[in-house]
Amino acid sequence: MQIGRRNDARRRMTQAGVWTLGIALALCAAAGAAEAPIVNNPATPGGELETLALRELWRVGGLDGELFFGVVGSVVADDAGNLYLLDTQLSEVQVLTSDGEYLRTIAREGEGPGEVRQPSDFYLAPDGRIGLLQGFPGKVVYVEQDGTPAGGFSIVQPGGQQGSMSVLVQGNARGGEIYLAGIRMRFGGSSISQQTYFVSRYSPEGEELATLATRDTEIDYANFILTEAGLDFVWNGRWDIDPEGRVYCAPERNAYRIEVRAPDGTLERVITREFETRGRTAEEKEVARRLVEVVGNQYPAPPREIGIEEDEPDIMGMYCRPDGELWVRTSRSDHPRHAGEFLRFDVFDAEGRFTHQLALAGPGDARQDAHHFIGGDRLVMVTGALDAYSTMHGASSEGAAGEAEVEPMQVICYQLER
């Protein structure tokens, strides 16, 4: 009897120890999470509006240009200033000098070595190879600067799970490593597909090193409803990488909250700003519908219903500058459109403080024309990007003429000048 009481006491002590340890670990985790400083910013910055003028340097393409583009989806530059233009429709990369002179065309459409079909994005690897992202099934195809096939890798589920596949959406490179954003899909015996959206850091040869952002969701193909809220993730312009490899991302659609993570995924800082979410106009709802329709057209069977949100995302783009500044495009950056402005940004310093706003003064329509910052002082504009992308993927524009043609794209390089 005495032994039984002792054993019972030991059990109670052991249980109490486990509960105490659990509480202690929870408190430690909470304390660790709270260690990342939060930089809360007011709605109005302290500094005055800064304006940069867009001075045209050169342009190529268009109706009268010697170069023809299908759909230019991405633009990057190498250390020498040469520009690489990814044509997602023609599955090729056109290379221009910093002065806009044509150098060569790399890659081609196909299934063989060094070939891709409608690549979703690309990047310049640290060794100079060009990494082309095959959207589905997700893989990276490498080619040398002369177009010679140079290997690649596929994105697989952790542990090599059966019944799974991946989609690659975006890619970037910093500090000798690769950053990829995409979707991991898992299929079971039912009509449900479990999906994980992710941004992860990889070695150039495809070893996953760290997860920077993630979100789980699912699709029921027996009742296929595709919604903007269900598709929402940071790849919609809400992530970028600074020169040191830190990842800035805005994980919540309608919260002005930016998480700054070290290359290993550690949360270093959170940047917030007082902000009022803006409702959409009828035109913006139509644009949103077309973009969700584009995604729906990629599935074997179309969704029976598409759902869009009533509000614009608070953050619509972010750009980590070479000097450490962070430029943030918001839903109010070009609404209402200010006379003579192409776009407006919130500017944060390296510590996350909202210092001022910046306007880009010049031609263009920020809702139709894509823009890509090259280095610290150039901007490359791709005209008619939204219509070209939608048309390429078979998304209709309500009220548009059935025979209307999209005007050939132009690529225009501007100098940013005070």
Foldseek 3Di string as FASTA:
>chain_A
DVVVVVVVVVVVVVVVVVVVVVVVVVVVVVVQVPVFAEAEAEQAFPDEAAEWEWAFQDKAKFPPHPDFAQFFQDWAADPQQWIWTQRLQQQKIWIAHNNGHTDDIAEGDDDDALHEHRFQEWEQAPVRWIWTFHFPQTWTWTAHPVHHTDDIGGDADVVRDPQKGWGWHYKYDADQKIKTWTKIWHDDPAQKIKIKTFIFIAHRRGHTQATQDIDIDMARPVQGEAEPVRPDAFVQQAWDAANQGWIWGDGDQAFQKIFTAHNRRHTNHIAHYDDDWAFDDPVVVLLQQLVSQLVQLVDPDGHPYYYYDRTGGQWRHWDQANQQKIWTFGPCQPVPNDPQFQTKTQIAHNVNYRHYMYTYGDDDHPVQWDWDDYHHWKIKIKGRNSVSSSVSSVGDRPPDDPPDDDTTIMIIMTTTRD
